[in-house]
Amino acid sequence: MDNFHNKNSKDTILVVCYANYCRSPVAEILLENFLGDTFYVISAGIKPYQSASMDPRSINFLIDKNIKPKIHNTKACSRDIIMKSKYIFCFSESIRNQLTEEYVNFRSKFRLINTYDKSLDVSDPFKFKDKEYNIVMNNIFETCKILASNLLQQDYE
């Protein structure tokens, strides 16, 4: 059984990357920041990295953007989380395809996070050097800002 529990009646947004270590925890925090208390935002991974936190470079990126990081524990994407989420944003086609195969009944929920601007590269930066890592993080920042704007306008269905 999962520890996922939305303590209020807000719609839930789930952000999914591969390891729930670099990208999705940052997107979770950014979307919370951009959306305010309009939605409940969580993140998960296909194969969570065994860590007590997120990548230190992700933490530094958030601090550089004057956004306070929060305590993060990696978690796996699960049927329970998917069932309870209204919107599910994936960081790649391969993640979306994997989720679609595993959770066939929920396939209509799976969207790419950069759906509004596919030119923004949000590929996995785990093995990247710091400069390239930060380029991806900035792209995630822009992607989340665009996505939040559309969600707030309820232009996302």
Protein backbone atom coordinates (compact mmCIF):
# COMPACT_ATOMS: atom_id res chain seq x y z
CA MET A 1 0.00 0.00 0.00
CA ASP A 2 1.25 3.47 -0.90
CA ASN A 3 1.73 6.39 1.44
CA PHE A 4 0.08 8.69 -1.11
CA HIS A 5 -2.74 10.65 0.42
CA ASN A 6 -4.17 13.87 -0.89
CA LYS A 7 -5.28 15.56 2.32
CA ASN A 8 -7.71 17.87 0.54
CA SER A 9 -10.10 17.95 -2.37
CA LYS A 10 -7.72 19.55 -4.88
CA ASP A 11 -7.04 17.79 -8.17
CA THR A 12 -3.77 15.89 -8.12
CA ILE A 13 -0.97 16.35 -10.63
CA LEU A 14 1.60 13.56 -10.88
CA VAL A 15 4.97 14.18 -12.54
CA VAL A 16 6.90 11.06 -13.57
CA CYS A 17 10.53 10.65 -14.61
CA TYR A 18 12.74 7.61 -14.59
CA ALA A 19 14.29 7.69 -11.11
CA ASN A 20 12.40 10.42 -9.21
CA TYR A 21 15.80 11.87 -8.39
CA CYS A 22 16.67 14.71 -10.81
CA ARG A 23 13.74 15.97 -12.88
CA SER A 24 10.38 15.07 -11.35
CA PRO A 25 11.15 16.34 -7.83
CA VAL A 26 12.19 19.68 -9.35
CA ALA A 27 9.05 19.78 -11.49
CA GLU A 28 6.95 18.97 -8.43
CA ILE A 29 8.40 21.92 -6.51
CA LEU A 30 8.23 24.27 -9.51
CA LEU A 31 4.61 23.40 -10.25
CA GLU A 32 3.70 23.89 -6.60
CA ASN A 33 5.41 27.27 -6.77
CA PHE A 34 3.73 28.31 -10.04
CA LEU A 35 0.27 26.89 -9.22
CA GLY A 36 0.02 27.99 -5.61
CA ASP A 37 -2.53 25.95 -3.72
CA THR A 38 -4.71 25.26 -6.78
CA PHE A 39 -3.50 21.67 -7.21
CA TYR A 40 -1.89 18.96 -5.13
CA VAL A 41 1.40 18.06 -6.89
CA ILE A 42 3.47 14.90 -6.40
CA SER A 43 6.29 13.18 -8.23
CA ALA A 44 7.32 9.58 -8.74
CA GLY A 45 9.66 7.46 -10.82
CA ILE A 46 9.49 4.33 -12.93
CA LYS A 47 12.55 2.91 -11.13
CA PRO A 48 13.24 5.18 -8.14
CA TYR A 49 16.85 5.89 -7.31
CA GLN A 50 17.66 4.67 -3.82
CA SER A 51 18.36 7.99 -2.18
CA ALA A 52 17.07 9.94 0.75
CA SER A 53 16.81 13.10 -1.33
CA MET A 54 17.11 14.52 -4.82
CA ASP A 55 20.25 15.14 -6.84
CA PRO A 56 22.31 17.89 -5.11
CA ARG A 57 22.51 19.73 -8.44
CA SER A 58 18.70 19.89 -8.49
CA ILE A 59 18.68 21.32 -4.98
CA ASN A 60 21.27 23.93 -6.00
CA PHE A 61 19.26 24.81 -9.10
CA LEU A 62 16.16 25.50 -7.00
CA ILE A 63 18.17 27.58 -4.52
CA ASP A 64 19.66 29.58 -7.41
CA LYS A 65 16.07 30.30 -8.57
CA ASN A 66 15.18 31.46 -5.02
CA ILE A 67 12.85 28.50 -4.60
CA LYS A 68 13.11 26.62 -1.34
CA PRO A 69 13.75 22.90 -1.82
CA LYS A 70 11.81 20.53 0.37
CA ILE A 71 12.59 17.18 1.88
CA HIS A 72 12.22 14.61 -0.87
CA ASN A 73 12.12 10.85 -0.66
CA THR A 74 12.09 9.01 -3.96
CA LYS A 75 8.99 6.96 -4.64
CA ALA A 76 7.75 4.56 -7.27
CA CYS A 77 4.86 5.23 -9.58
CA SER A 78 1.99 2.97 -8.55
CA ARG A 79 -1.57 2.13 -9.45
CA ASP A 80 -2.83 3.96 -6.37
CA ILE A 81 -1.06 7.21 -7.26
CA ILE A 82 -2.13 6.95 -10.91
CA MET A 83 -5.75 6.25 -9.96
CA LYS A 84 -5.89 9.31 -7.71
CA SER A 85 -4.19 11.69 -10.14
CA LYS A 86 -6.19 13.82 -12.55
CA TYR A 87 -3.17 14.85 -14.61
CA ILE A 88 -0.06 12.73 -15.19
CA PHE A 89 2.90 14.31 -16.94
CA CYS A 90 5.77 12.15 -18.18
CA PHE A 91 9.25 13.33 -19.02
CA SER A 92 9.65 11.16 -22.12
CA GLU A 93 7.81 9.06 -24.67
CA SER A 94 9.47 5.93 -23.27
CA ILE A 95 8.15 6.67 -19.77
CA ARG A 96 4.70 7.40 -21.16
CA ASN A 97 4.79 4.18 -23.21
CA GLN A 98 5.87 2.13 -20.21
CA LEU A 99 3.09 3.56 -18.06
CA THR A 100 0.56 3.03 -20.85
CA GLU A 101 1.54 -0.62 -21.13
CA GLU A 102 1.48 -1.19 -17.39
CA TYR A 103 -1.66 0.82 -16.63
CA VAL A 104 -3.77 0.36 -19.76
CA ASN A 105 -7.01 1.57 -18.18
CA PHE A 106 -5.47 4.95 -17.39
CA ARG A 107 -3.67 5.60 -20.69
CA SER A 108 -5.74 8.71 -21.43
CA LYS A 109 -4.17 10.42 -18.39
CA PHE A 110 -0.55 10.14 -19.61
CA ARG A 111 0.81 13.27 -21.30
CA LEU A 112 4.26 14.63 -22.02
CA ILE A 113 5.32 17.36 -19.65
CA ASN A 114 6.63 19.48 -22.52
CA THR A 115 3.42 19.11 -24.52
CA TYR A 116 3.17 22.89 -25.09
CA ASP A 117 6.76 23.33 -26.25
CA LYS A 118 8.46 20.16 -27.44
CA SER A 119 11.55 22.16 -28.41
CA LEU A 120 12.48 22.29 -24.71
CA ASP A 121 14.81 19.38 -24.03
CA VAL A 122 13.87 17.75 -20.73
CA SER A 123 15.90 14.57 -21.17
CA ASP A 124 17.46 12.79 -18.20
CA PRO A 125 20.47 14.87 -17.05
CA PHE A 126 21.73 12.39 -14.43
CA LYS A 127 25.03 11.67 -16.21
CA PHE A 128 25.49 15.19 -17.56
CA LYS A 129 28.19 17.61 -16.52
CA ASP A 130 26.99 20.58 -14.46
CA LYS A 131 26.59 23.02 -17.38
CA GLU A 132 24.44 20.62 -19.43
CA TYR A 133 22.55 19.58 -16.29
CA ASN A 134 21.59 23.20 -15.64
CA ILE A 135 20.44 23.66 -19.23
CA VAL A 136 17.97 20.80 -18.74
CA MET A 137 16.88 22.23 -15.38
CA ASN A 138 16.23 25.61 -17.00
CA ASN A 139 14.18 23.86 -19.68
CA ILE A 140 12.19 22.13 -16.93
CA PHE A 141 11.66 25.52 -15.30
CA GLU A 142 10.28 26.96 -18.57
CA THR A 143 8.22 23.83 -19.25
CA CYS A 144 6.62 23.98 -15.81
CA LYS A 145 5.90 27.70 -16.16
CA ILE A 146 4.11 27.11 -19.49
CA LEU A 147 2.27 24.06 -18.18
CA ALA A 148 1.16 25.88 -15.01
CA SER A 149 -0.14 28.80 -17.04
CA ASN A 150 -2.25 26.45 -19.15
CA LEU A 151 -3.50 24.51 -16.14
CA LEU A 152 -4.53 27.71 -14.40
CA GLN A 153 -6.45 28.73 -17.50
CA GLN A 154 -7.98 25.23 -17.51
CA ASP A 155 -6.81 24.97 -21.09
CA TYR A 156 -5.61 21.46 -20.46
CA GLU A 157 -7.89 18.57 -21.28
